[in-house]
Amino acid sequence: MARTGQPEGFEETRRREAPLRRYPHRTPIMLHMAAEEVELRGKQSAAKLIPIENIAGDDQEDTRLLRQMALDARDYLSSFSWCTEIYESYFGGGVGGIFAIFLFHIHPANPDVDPWIWIVVGDIPSAYLPLSDVGSPREVFEEYINGMRRWVKAACNGDSKAVTSPDVPPVNVPATPEWAERLKSRLDGITEIRPFFPG
């Protein structure tokens, strides 16, 4: 089994506050929905997921890895200044040690920040996405893969401007063809687990 956390060479900067979606902000701002709508959507999404304390994998080792990934996701989220408290946490799907998606209900530092946040962790760079933009684990999975593929394409082309554009997630390694190929191979493997994420 692959280990949890970042892949070898991908040194994560825990407090790098940059969103995966196309936002000029450095926090997950609710641009498309009112706060009441986000809360309702969060409760509806959470009702379809598994509370983190009830995570159960295919076997004992898978369960252990998934529970460790839940802790990793909580630590990642807690590292951001816009998250002052975590109320609830849910498992959206995944494979132990490889890739997993979690949904967190938080107390944000200001009322403009989305109170429901998706977190992606695993043997890939971690990321977060606001629920106001992606409403299901399947949507999170697709957006994450697409965002990372944009980074790979830009890095392969040596396009430093595209690598730092708002719709490309931060990846804490040099944007070179060599690193792009390493991340591409991981993304190609991860796409095979798409069925683990409900739409």
N, C-alpha and C. Protein backbone atom coordinates (compact mmCIF):
# COMPACT_ATOMS: atom_id res chain seq x y z
N MET A 1 0.84 -1.19 0.00
CA MET A 1 0.00 0.00 0.00
C MET A 1 0.88 1.25 0.00
N ALA A 2 0.45 2.27 -0.72
CA ALA A 2 1.18 3.53 -0.70
C ALA A 2 0.96 4.23 0.62
N ARG A 3 1.89 5.07 0.98
CA ARG A 3 1.77 5.77 2.26
C ARG A 3 0.80 6.93 2.12
N THR A 4 0.32 7.42 3.26
CA THR A 4 -0.50 8.62 3.25
C THR A 4 0.41 9.83 3.20
N GLY A 5 -0.17 11.01 3.02
CA GLY A 5 0.61 12.24 2.98
C GLY A 5 0.99 12.59 1.56
N GLN A 6 2.02 13.41 1.43
CA GLN A 6 2.44 13.88 0.13
C GLN A 6 3.34 12.83 -0.53
N PRO A 7 3.32 12.77 -1.88
CA PRO A 7 4.22 11.85 -2.56
C PRO A 7 5.65 12.30 -2.37
N GLU A 8 6.57 11.39 -2.56
CA GLU A 8 7.97 11.70 -2.36
C GLU A 8 8.38 12.90 -3.19
N GLY A 9 8.96 13.90 -2.54
CA GLY A 9 9.39 15.09 -3.24
C GLY A 9 8.37 16.21 -3.21
N PHE A 10 7.12 15.89 -2.92
CA PHE A 10 6.10 16.92 -2.83
C PHE A 10 6.01 17.40 -1.39
N GLU A 11 6.82 18.41 -1.05
CA GLU A 11 6.84 18.91 0.31
C GLU A 11 5.75 19.95 0.46
N GLU A 12 4.76 19.62 1.26
CA GLU A 12 3.59 20.48 1.39
C GLU A 12 3.88 21.64 2.32
N THR A 13 3.51 22.83 1.93
CA THR A 13 3.54 24.00 2.80
C THR A 13 2.17 24.13 3.41
N ARG A 14 2.04 23.80 4.69
CA ARG A 14 0.73 23.65 5.31
C ARG A 14 -0.10 24.93 5.31
N ARG A 15 0.54 26.08 5.35
CA ARG A 15 -0.23 27.31 5.47
C ARG A 15 -0.32 28.09 4.16
N ARG A 16 -0.06 27.42 3.07
CA ARG A 16 -0.15 28.11 1.78
C ARG A 16 -1.61 28.24 1.40
N GLU A 17 -2.19 29.40 1.55
CA GLU A 17 -3.62 29.60 1.40
C GLU A 17 -3.94 29.99 -0.03
N ALA A 18 -4.06 28.98 -0.89
CA ALA A 18 -4.41 29.23 -2.29
C ALA A 18 -5.46 28.22 -2.70
N PRO A 19 -6.62 28.68 -3.22
CA PRO A 19 -7.70 27.76 -3.56
C PRO A 19 -7.46 27.06 -4.89
N LEU A 20 -8.17 25.96 -5.08
CA LEU A 20 -8.06 25.20 -6.31
C LEU A 20 -8.91 25.81 -7.43
N ARG A 21 -10.02 26.43 -7.04
CA ARG A 21 -10.92 26.99 -8.05
C ARG A 21 -10.42 28.34 -8.55
N ARG A 22 -11.13 28.93 -9.52
CA ARG A 22 -10.75 30.21 -10.10
C ARG A 22 -11.18 31.34 -9.18
N TYR A 23 -10.39 31.65 -8.19
CA TYR A 23 -10.71 32.71 -7.26
C TYR A 23 -9.56 33.70 -7.18
N PRO A 24 -9.86 35.00 -7.16
CA PRO A 24 -8.80 35.97 -6.94
C PRO A 24 -8.44 36.04 -5.47
N HIS A 25 -9.24 35.42 -4.60
CA HIS A 25 -9.03 35.46 -3.16
C HIS A 25 -8.07 34.35 -2.72
N ARG A 26 -7.60 34.44 -1.49
CA ARG A 26 -6.74 33.40 -0.94
C ARG A 26 -7.48 32.64 0.15
N THR A 27 -8.77 32.76 0.20
CA THR A 27 -9.61 32.00 1.10
C THR A 27 -10.81 31.48 0.32
N PRO A 28 -11.46 30.40 0.78
CA PRO A 28 -12.60 29.83 0.03
C PRO A 28 -13.87 30.67 0.20
N ILE A 29 -13.94 31.76 -0.53
CA ILE A 29 -15.06 32.70 -0.42
C ILE A 29 -16.29 32.15 -1.14
N MET A 30 -17.46 32.42 -0.56
CA MET A 30 -18.71 32.03 -1.20
C MET A 30 -19.08 33.08 -2.23
N LEU A 31 -18.77 32.82 -3.49
CA LEU A 31 -19.05 33.78 -4.55
C LEU A 31 -20.39 33.52 -5.22
N HIS A 32 -20.85 32.30 -5.22
CA HIS A 32 -22.00 31.94 -6.04
C HIS A 32 -23.27 31.60 -5.25
N MET A 33 -23.19 31.54 -3.92
CA MET A 33 -24.34 31.14 -3.12
C MET A 33 -24.41 31.99 -1.86
N ALA A 34 -25.64 32.23 -1.38
CA ALA A 34 -25.82 32.91 -0.10
C ALA A 34 -25.48 31.94 1.02
N ALA A 35 -25.18 32.50 2.21
CA ALA A 35 -24.77 31.67 3.34
C ALA A 35 -25.83 30.63 3.69
N GLU A 36 -27.11 31.02 3.62
CA GLU A 36 -28.18 30.08 3.97
C GLU A 36 -28.22 28.92 2.98
N GLU A 37 -28.00 29.21 1.72
CA GLU A 37 -27.98 28.16 0.71
C GLU A 37 -26.82 27.20 0.92
N VAL A 38 -25.68 27.74 1.29
CA VAL A 38 -24.52 26.89 1.52
C VAL A 38 -24.76 25.97 2.71
N GLU A 39 -25.34 26.50 3.77
CA GLU A 39 -25.62 25.68 4.95
C GLU A 39 -26.57 24.54 4.60
N LEU A 40 -27.62 24.85 3.84
CA LEU A 40 -28.58 23.82 3.45
C LEU A 40 -27.91 22.79 2.56
N ARG A 41 -27.13 23.24 1.61
CA ARG A 41 -26.44 22.31 0.71
C ARG A 41 -25.46 21.45 1.48
N GLY A 42 -24.79 22.05 2.49
CA GLY A 42 -23.86 21.29 3.30
C GLY A 42 -24.53 20.17 4.06
N LYS A 43 -25.66 20.48 4.66
CA LYS A 43 -26.40 19.46 5.41
C LYS A 43 -26.90 18.35 4.48
N GLN A 44 -27.34 18.73 3.29
CA GLN A 44 -27.81 17.73 2.33
C GLN A 44 -26.66 16.83 1.86
N SER A 45 -25.51 17.43 1.61
CA SER A 45 -24.34 16.64 1.18
C SER A 45 -23.86 15.73 2.30
N ALA A 46 -23.80 16.26 3.52
CA ALA A 46 -23.31 15.49 4.65
C ALA A 46 -24.21 14.29 4.94
N ALA A 47 -25.51 14.45 4.69
CA ALA A 47 -26.46 13.36 4.97
C ALA A 47 -26.20 12.14 4.09
N LYS A 48 -25.51 12.33 2.98
CA LYS A 48 -25.21 11.22 2.06
C LYS A 48 -23.85 10.58 2.34
N LEU A 49 -23.10 11.16 3.30
CA LEU A 49 -21.74 10.70 3.57
C LEU A 49 -21.66 9.97 4.91
N ILE A 50 -20.47 9.49 5.22
CA ILE A 50 -20.23 8.71 6.44
C ILE A 50 -19.48 9.57 7.44
N PRO A 51 -19.99 9.71 8.67
CA PRO A 51 -19.22 10.44 9.69
C PRO A 51 -17.84 9.82 9.84
N ILE A 52 -16.84 10.64 10.03
CA ILE A 52 -15.47 10.14 10.07
C ILE A 52 -15.27 9.05 11.12
N GLU A 53 -15.96 9.17 12.25
CA GLU A 53 -15.77 8.17 13.29
C GLU A 53 -16.29 6.79 12.89
N ASN A 54 -17.08 6.74 11.80
CA ASN A 54 -17.63 5.45 11.34
C ASN A 54 -16.93 4.90 10.10
N ILE A 55 -15.78 5.46 9.77
CA ILE A 55 -15.05 4.99 8.59
C ILE A 55 -14.70 3.51 8.73
N ALA A 56 -14.98 2.76 7.67
CA ALA A 56 -14.61 1.34 7.63
C ALA A 56 -14.15 1.01 6.21
N GLY A 57 -12.92 0.56 6.07
CA GLY A 57 -12.40 0.21 4.76
C GLY A 57 -12.71 -1.22 4.39
N ASP A 58 -12.08 -1.70 3.33
CA ASP A 58 -12.31 -3.06 2.85
C ASP A 58 -11.74 -4.10 3.81
N ASP A 59 -10.70 -3.70 4.56
CA ASP A 59 -10.12 -4.60 5.55
C ASP A 59 -9.51 -3.75 6.66
N GLN A 60 -8.89 -4.39 7.63
CA GLN A 60 -8.36 -3.67 8.78
C GLN A 60 -7.29 -2.65 8.40
N GLU A 61 -6.41 -3.02 7.47
CA GLU A 61 -5.35 -2.09 7.05
C GLU A 61 -5.92 -0.91 6.29
N ASP A 62 -6.88 -1.15 5.42
CA ASP A 62 -7.51 -0.06 4.68
C ASP A 62 -8.20 0.90 5.64
N THR A 63 -8.87 0.35 6.65
CA THR A 63 -9.53 1.18 7.65
C THR A 63 -8.53 2.04 8.39
N ARG A 64 -7.42 1.44 8.78
CA ARG A 64 -6.38 2.19 9.50
C ARG A 64 -5.84 3.33 8.65
N LEU A 65 -5.57 3.07 7.39
CA LEU A 65 -5.05 4.10 6.50
C LEU A 65 -6.05 5.22 6.27
N LEU A 66 -7.31 4.87 6.09
CA LEU A 66 -8.34 5.88 5.87
C LEU A 66 -8.52 6.76 7.10
N ARG A 67 -8.46 6.15 8.27
CA ARG A 67 -8.61 6.95 9.50
C ARG A 67 -7.41 7.87 9.69
N GLN A 68 -6.23 7.41 9.30
CA GLN A 68 -5.07 8.29 9.36
C GLN A 68 -5.20 9.44 8.37
N MET A 69 -5.76 9.15 7.21
CA MET A 69 -5.98 10.20 6.22
C MET A 69 -6.99 11.22 6.71
N ALA A 70 -7.97 10.77 7.48
CA ALA A 70 -8.93 11.71 8.06
C ALA A 70 -8.23 12.67 9.02
N LEU A 71 -7.29 12.14 9.79
CA LEU A 71 -6.50 13.00 10.69
C LEU A 71 -5.63 13.96 9.88
N ASP A 72 -5.04 13.47 8.79
CA ASP A 72 -4.23 14.32 7.93
C ASP A 72 -5.07 15.46 7.35
N ALA A 73 -6.29 15.12 6.93
CA ALA A 73 -7.18 16.14 6.36
C ALA A 73 -7.55 17.19 7.41
N ARG A 74 -7.82 16.74 8.63
CA ARG A 74 -8.14 17.67 9.71
C ARG A 74 -6.96 18.58 10.01
N ASP A 75 -5.76 18.02 10.05
CA ASP A 75 -4.56 18.82 10.32
C ASP A 75 -4.34 19.84 9.21
N TYR A 76 -4.52 19.41 7.97
CA TYR A 76 -4.35 20.31 6.83
C TYR A 76 -5.32 21.47 6.91
N LEU A 77 -6.60 21.17 7.17
CA LEU A 77 -7.61 22.20 7.26
C LEU A 77 -7.34 23.14 8.43
N SER A 78 -6.97 22.58 9.57
CA SER A 78 -6.73 23.39 10.78
C SER A 78 -5.54 24.32 10.64
N SER A 79 -4.68 24.08 9.64
CA SER A 79 -3.50 24.91 9.47
C SER A 79 -3.82 26.27 8.87
N PHE A 80 -5.03 26.42 8.31
CA PHE A 80 -5.38 27.69 7.68
C PHE A 80 -6.03 28.65 8.68
N SER A 81 -5.66 29.91 8.58
CA SER A 81 -6.14 30.90 9.54
C SER A 81 -7.64 31.16 9.40
N TRP A 82 -8.24 30.85 8.23
CA TRP A 82 -9.66 31.10 8.06
C TRP A 82 -10.52 30.00 8.68
N CYS A 83 -9.92 28.93 9.19
CA CYS A 83 -10.67 27.87 9.88
C CYS A 83 -10.37 27.98 11.38
N THR A 84 -11.33 28.43 12.15
CA THR A 84 -11.11 28.61 13.58
C THR A 84 -11.61 27.44 14.42
N GLU A 85 -12.51 26.64 13.87
CA GLU A 85 -13.03 25.47 14.60
C GLU A 85 -13.66 24.50 13.62
N ILE A 86 -13.58 23.22 13.91
CA ILE A 86 -14.22 22.19 13.09
C ILE A 86 -15.39 21.60 13.88
N TYR A 87 -16.58 21.68 13.31
CA TYR A 87 -17.78 21.17 13.97
C TYR A 87 -18.04 19.70 13.63
N GLU A 88 -18.00 19.39 12.34
CA GLU A 88 -18.35 18.05 11.88
C GLU A 88 -17.40 17.64 10.76
N SER A 89 -17.25 16.34 10.58
CA SER A 89 -16.38 15.84 9.51
C SER A 89 -16.95 14.54 8.94
N TYR A 90 -16.84 14.40 7.62
CA TYR A 90 -17.45 13.27 6.92
C TYR A 90 -16.49 12.70 5.88
N PHE A 91 -16.64 11.42 5.63
CA PHE A 91 -15.83 10.70 4.65
C PHE A 91 -16.60 10.64 3.34
N GLY A 92 -15.96 11.14 2.26
CA GLY A 92 -16.63 11.17 0.97
C GLY A 92 -16.23 10.04 0.04
N GLY A 93 -15.25 9.22 0.45
CA GLY A 93 -14.82 8.11 -0.38
C GLY A 93 -13.32 8.12 -0.56
N GLY A 94 -12.78 6.96 -0.92
CA GLY A 94 -11.35 6.90 -1.16
C GLY A 94 -10.77 5.51 -0.98
N VAL A 95 -9.47 5.44 -1.18
CA VAL A 95 -8.70 4.22 -1.02
C VAL A 95 -7.58 4.50 -0.04
N GLY A 96 -7.47 3.69 0.99
CA GLY A 96 -6.50 3.93 2.04
C GLY A 96 -5.08 4.12 1.54
N GLY A 97 -4.45 5.23 1.94
CA GLY A 97 -3.07 5.50 1.57
C GLY A 97 -2.87 6.05 0.18
N ILE A 98 -3.93 6.12 -0.62
CA ILE A 98 -3.81 6.55 -2.01
C ILE A 98 -4.46 7.91 -2.24
N PHE A 99 -5.76 7.99 -1.96
CA PHE A 99 -6.52 9.20 -2.27
C PHE A 99 -7.83 9.15 -1.50
N ALA A 100 -8.19 10.24 -0.85
CA ALA A 100 -9.46 10.28 -0.12
C ALA A 100 -10.00 11.70 -0.08
N ILE A 101 -11.31 11.79 0.01
CA ILE A 101 -12.01 13.07 0.05
C ILE A 101 -12.83 13.14 1.33
N PHE A 102 -12.77 14.28 2.00
CA PHE A 102 -13.50 14.50 3.23
C PHE A 102 -14.25 15.83 3.16
N LEU A 103 -15.37 15.90 3.87
CA LEU A 103 -16.15 17.13 3.97
C LEU A 103 -16.15 17.59 5.42
N PHE A 104 -15.83 18.87 5.63
CA PHE A 104 -15.78 19.43 6.97
C PHE A 104 -16.74 20.61 7.10
N HIS A 105 -17.42 20.66 8.23
CA HIS A 105 -18.24 21.81 8.60
C HIS A 105 -17.43 22.61 9.60
N ILE A 106 -17.11 23.85 9.27
CA ILE A 106 -16.21 24.63 10.10
C ILE A 106 -16.86 25.92 10.59
N HIS A 107 -16.21 26.53 11.58
CA HIS A 107 -16.52 27.89 11.96
C HIS A 107 -15.48 28.77 11.29
N PRO A 108 -15.88 29.55 10.27
CA PRO A 108 -14.89 30.35 9.54
C PRO A 108 -14.52 31.62 10.30
N ALA A 109 -13.36 32.16 9.97
CA ALA A 109 -12.87 33.36 10.63
C ALA A 109 -13.68 34.59 10.28
N ASN A 110 -14.33 34.57 9.12
CA ASN A 110 -15.23 35.68 8.76
C ASN A 110 -16.41 35.13 7.99
N PRO A 111 -17.53 35.85 7.97
CA PRO A 111 -18.77 35.31 7.40
C PRO A 111 -18.75 35.09 5.89
N ASP A 112 -17.74 35.59 5.18
CA ASP A 112 -17.68 35.39 3.74
C ASP A 112 -17.06 34.05 3.36
N VAL A 113 -16.42 33.39 4.32
CA VAL A 113 -15.76 32.12 4.04
C VAL A 113 -16.78 30.98 4.08
N ASP A 114 -16.68 30.10 3.12
CA ASP A 114 -17.59 28.95 3.04
C ASP A 114 -17.45 28.09 4.30
N PRO A 115 -18.54 27.80 5.03
CA PRO A 115 -18.45 26.98 6.24
C PRO A 115 -18.36 25.48 5.98
N TRP A 116 -18.52 25.05 4.73
CA TRP A 116 -18.40 23.64 4.36
C TRP A 116 -17.27 23.52 3.35
N ILE A 117 -16.25 22.73 3.70
CA ILE A 117 -15.04 22.64 2.89
C ILE A 117 -14.70 21.18 2.58
N TRP A 118 -14.44 20.91 1.31
CA TRP A 118 -13.94 19.60 0.90
C TRP A 118 -12.42 19.59 1.02
N ILE A 119 -11.86 18.49 1.51
CA ILE A 119 -10.42 18.34 1.62
C ILE A 119 -10.00 17.07 0.88
N VAL A 120 -8.97 17.19 0.06
CA VAL A 120 -8.39 16.05 -0.66
C VAL A 120 -7.01 15.77 -0.08
N VAL A 121 -6.77 14.53 0.32
CA VAL A 121 -5.45 14.14 0.83
C VAL A 121 -5.08 12.77 0.25
N GLY A 122 -3.82 12.42 0.41
CA GLY A 122 -3.37 11.11 -0.04
C GLY A 122 -1.94 11.15 -0.51
N ASP A 123 -1.63 10.29 -1.46
CA ASP A 123 -0.29 10.19 -2.02
C ASP A 123 -0.14 11.16 -3.19
N ILE A 124 -0.68 12.35 -2.97
CA ILE A 124 -0.72 13.43 -3.97
C ILE A 124 -0.73 14.75 -3.19
N PRO A 125 -0.52 15.88 -3.85
CA PRO A 125 -0.61 17.16 -3.14
C PRO A 125 -2.01 17.38 -2.57
N SER A 126 -2.09 17.82 -1.34
CA SER A 126 -3.39 18.10 -0.71
C SER A 126 -4.01 19.36 -1.31
N ALA A 127 -5.34 19.47 -1.19
CA ALA A 127 -6.04 20.64 -1.71
C ALA A 127 -7.37 20.79 -0.98
N TYR A 128 -7.96 21.98 -1.08
CA TYR A 128 -9.30 22.18 -0.54
C TYR A 128 -10.17 22.86 -1.59
N LEU A 129 -11.48 22.60 -1.51
CA LEU A 129 -12.44 23.23 -2.40
C LEU A 129 -13.69 23.58 -1.59
N PRO A 130 -14.28 24.75 -1.83
CA PRO A 130 -15.50 25.13 -1.12
C PRO A 130 -16.71 24.37 -1.65
N LEU A 131 -17.61 23.99 -0.74
CA LEU A 131 -18.79 23.25 -1.15
C LEU A 131 -19.70 24.09 -2.04
N SER A 132 -19.62 25.41 -1.94
CA SER A 132 -20.46 26.26 -2.77
C SER A 132 -20.14 26.11 -4.25
N ASP A 133 -19.01 25.50 -4.58
CA ASP A 133 -18.66 25.29 -5.99
C ASP A 133 -18.70 23.84 -6.44
N VAL A 134 -18.50 22.91 -5.53
CA VAL A 134 -18.53 21.49 -5.88
C VAL A 134 -19.36 20.76 -4.82
N GLY A 135 -20.43 20.11 -5.25
CA GLY A 135 -21.40 19.61 -4.30
C GLY A 135 -21.34 18.14 -3.96
N SER A 136 -20.46 17.37 -4.61
CA SER A 136 -20.41 15.93 -4.34
C SER A 136 -18.97 15.44 -4.42
N PRO A 137 -18.68 14.29 -3.81
CA PRO A 137 -17.33 13.72 -3.92
C PRO A 137 -16.89 13.51 -5.37
N ARG A 138 -17.80 13.11 -6.24
CA ARG A 138 -17.44 12.91 -7.65
C ARG A 138 -17.00 14.23 -8.29
N GLU A 139 -17.72 15.31 -7.98
CA GLU A 139 -17.35 16.62 -8.53
C GLU A 139 -16.00 17.07 -7.99
N VAL A 140 -15.76 16.80 -6.70
CA VAL A 140 -14.47 17.15 -6.11
C VAL A 140 -13.36 16.37 -6.82
N PHE A 141 -13.57 15.10 -7.00
CA PHE A 141 -12.58 14.24 -7.66
C PHE A 141 -12.25 14.78 -9.06
N GLU A 142 -13.28 15.09 -9.83
CA GLU A 142 -13.06 15.56 -11.20
C GLU A 142 -12.35 16.91 -11.21
N GLU A 143 -12.75 17.80 -10.33
CA GLU A 143 -12.13 19.13 -10.30
C GLU A 143 -10.68 19.04 -9.86
N TYR A 144 -10.41 18.17 -8.90
CA TYR A 144 -9.03 18.01 -8.45
C TYR A 144 -8.14 17.48 -9.60
N ILE A 145 -8.59 16.42 -10.24
CA ILE A 145 -7.81 15.82 -11.33
C ILE A 145 -7.60 16.83 -12.45
N ASN A 146 -8.67 17.55 -12.82
CA ASN A 146 -8.55 18.54 -13.89
C ASN A 146 -7.58 19.66 -13.53
N GLY A 147 -7.65 20.12 -12.27
CA GLY A 147 -6.74 21.17 -11.83
C GLY A 147 -5.30 20.74 -11.87
N MET A 148 -5.04 19.52 -11.40
CA MET A 148 -3.67 19.01 -11.40
C MET A 148 -3.17 18.75 -12.82
N ARG A 149 -4.05 18.34 -13.70
CA ARG A 149 -3.64 18.13 -15.09
C ARG A 149 -3.28 19.47 -15.75
N ARG A 150 -3.95 20.54 -15.34
CA ARG A 150 -3.58 21.86 -15.86
C ARG A 150 -2.16 22.21 -15.41
N TRP A 151 -1.83 21.86 -14.16
CA TRP A 151 -0.46 22.12 -13.68
C TRP A 151 0.54 21.28 -14.49
N VAL A 152 0.23 20.02 -14.70
CA VAL A 152 1.12 19.14 -15.45
C VAL A 152 1.37 19.69 -16.86
N LYS A 153 0.30 20.11 -17.53
CA LYS A 153 0.43 20.64 -18.89
C LYS A 153 1.31 21.88 -18.90
N ALA A 154 1.05 22.79 -17.94
CA ALA A 154 1.84 24.02 -17.90
C ALA A 154 3.30 23.73 -17.60
N ALA A 155 3.54 22.80 -16.66
CA ALA A 155 4.93 22.46 -16.31
C ALA A 155 5.65 21.79 -17.47
N CYS A 156 4.96 20.92 -18.18
CA CYS A 156 5.57 20.25 -19.34
C CYS A 156 5.98 21.25 -20.40
N ASN A 157 5.18 22.33 -20.53
CA ASN A 157 5.47 23.35 -21.53
C ASN A 157 6.42 24.42 -21.02
N GLY A 158 6.82 24.31 -19.76
CA GLY A 158 7.69 25.33 -19.19
C GLY A 158 7.02 26.68 -19.07
N ASP A 159 5.69 26.66 -18.91
CA ASP A 159 4.91 27.90 -18.86
C ASP A 159 4.75 28.35 -17.42
N SER A 160 5.67 29.15 -16.93
CA SER A 160 5.64 29.58 -15.54
C SER A 160 4.44 30.47 -15.22
N LYS A 161 3.97 31.21 -16.21
CA LYS A 161 2.79 32.06 -15.99
C LYS A 161 1.54 31.22 -15.78
N ALA A 162 1.37 30.18 -16.61
CA ALA A 162 0.19 29.32 -16.48
C ALA A 162 0.21 28.54 -15.17
N VAL A 163 1.39 28.14 -14.72
CA VAL A 163 1.51 27.38 -13.47
C VAL A 163 0.99 28.17 -12.27
N THR A 164 1.13 29.49 -12.31
CA THR A 164 0.71 30.32 -11.19
C THR A 164 -0.65 30.98 -11.40
N SER A 165 -1.37 30.59 -12.45
CA SER A 165 -2.69 31.18 -12.69
C SER A 165 -3.68 30.71 -11.64
N PRO A 166 -4.76 31.49 -11.39
CA PRO A 166 -5.70 31.16 -10.31
C PRO A 166 -6.41 29.82 -10.44
N ASP A 167 -6.52 29.26 -11.66
CA ASP A 167 -7.23 27.99 -11.81
C ASP A 167 -6.31 26.78 -11.79
N VAL A 168 -5.05 27.00 -11.40
CA VAL A 168 -4.09 25.91 -11.26
C VAL A 168 -3.70 25.79 -9.79
N PRO A 169 -3.88 24.61 -9.20
CA PRO A 169 -3.57 24.45 -7.77
C PRO A 169 -2.08 24.56 -7.50
N PRO A 170 -1.70 25.03 -6.33
CA PRO A 170 -0.27 25.12 -5.99
C PRO A 170 0.32 23.73 -5.78
N VAL A 171 1.46 23.49 -6.38
CA VAL A 171 2.20 22.24 -6.21
C VAL A 171 3.61 22.63 -5.82
N ASN A 172 4.06 22.16 -4.66
CA ASN A 172 5.30 22.67 -4.09
C ASN A 172 6.55 21.93 -4.55
N VAL A 173 6.70 21.84 -5.86
CA VAL A 173 7.92 21.34 -6.48
C VAL A 173 8.17 22.21 -7.71
N PRO A 174 9.37 22.19 -8.25
CA PRO A 174 9.64 22.98 -9.45
C PRO A 174 8.73 22.57 -10.62
N ALA A 175 8.27 23.55 -11.35
CA ALA A 175 7.39 23.29 -12.50
C ALA A 175 8.24 22.91 -13.71
N THR A 176 8.77 21.70 -13.67
CA THR A 176 9.64 21.21 -14.75
C THR A 176 9.00 19.99 -15.40
N PRO A 177 9.41 19.66 -16.62
CA PRO A 177 8.87 18.46 -17.27
C PRO A 177 9.09 17.20 -16.45
N GLU A 178 10.21 17.12 -15.74
CA GLU A 178 10.50 15.92 -14.93
C GLU A 178 9.48 15.75 -13.82
N TRP A 179 9.20 16.85 -13.10
CA TRP A 179 8.21 16.77 -12.03
C TRP A 179 6.81 16.57 -12.59
N ALA A 180 6.54 17.18 -13.72
CA ALA A 180 5.23 17.02 -14.35
C ALA A 180 4.97 15.55 -14.69
N GLU A 181 5.99 14.86 -15.18
CA GLU A 181 5.83 13.46 -15.53
C GLU A 181 5.56 12.61 -14.28
N ARG A 182 6.23 12.94 -13.17
CA ARG A 182 5.99 12.19 -11.93
C ARG A 182 4.54 12.36 -11.45
N LEU A 183 4.06 13.60 -11.47
CA LEU A 183 2.69 13.82 -11.02
C LEU A 183 1.69 13.23 -12.00
N LYS A 184 1.99 13.31 -13.29
CA LYS A 184 1.08 12.74 -14.30
C LYS A 184 0.89 11.25 -14.08
N SER A 185 1.96 10.54 -13.76
CA SER A 185 1.85 9.09 -13.56
C SER A 185 0.96 8.79 -12.36
N ARG A 186 1.03 9.61 -11.32
CA ARG A 186 0.16 9.41 -10.16
C ARG A 186 -1.30 9.70 -10.52
N LEU A 187 -1.52 10.78 -11.26
CA LEU A 187 -2.88 11.12 -11.66
C LEU A 187 -3.48 10.04 -12.53
N ASP A 188 -2.68 9.47 -13.44
CA ASP A 188 -3.18 8.40 -14.31
C ASP A 188 -3.65 7.20 -13.48
N GLY A 189 -2.91 6.90 -12.41
CA GLY A 189 -3.31 5.79 -11.54
C GLY A 189 -4.55 6.11 -10.74
N ILE A 190 -4.65 7.35 -10.27
CA ILE A 190 -5.79 7.76 -9.43
C ILE A 190 -7.10 7.74 -10.21
N THR A 191 -7.06 8.03 -11.50
CA THR A 191 -8.31 8.06 -12.27
C THR A 191 -9.02 6.71 -12.26
N GLU A 192 -8.29 5.65 -11.98
CA GLU A 192 -8.90 4.32 -11.95
C GLU A 192 -9.82 4.10 -10.74
N ILE A 193 -9.69 4.98 -9.73
CA ILE A 193 -10.53 4.80 -8.53
C ILE A 193 -11.75 5.71 -8.55
N ARG A 194 -12.07 6.30 -9.70
CA ARG A 194 -13.22 7.19 -9.82
C ARG A 194 -14.51 6.55 -9.28
N PRO A 195 -14.76 5.26 -9.47
CA PRO A 195 -16.01 4.66 -8.97
C PRO A 195 -16.16 4.71 -7.44
N PHE A 196 -15.09 4.99 -6.72
CA PHE A 196 -15.19 5.05 -5.26
C PHE A 196 -15.87 6.34 -4.79
N PHE A 197 -16.16 7.26 -5.70
CA PHE A 197 -16.70 8.56 -5.29
C PHE A 197 -18.10 8.76 -5.86
N PRO A 198 -19.09 8.85 -4.97
CA PRO A 198 -20.47 9.02 -5.43
C PRO A 198 -20.72 10.39 -6.04
N GLY A 199 -21.63 10.43 -7.01
CA GLY A 199 -21.94 11.69 -7.67
C GLY A 199 -22.97 12.49 -6.91
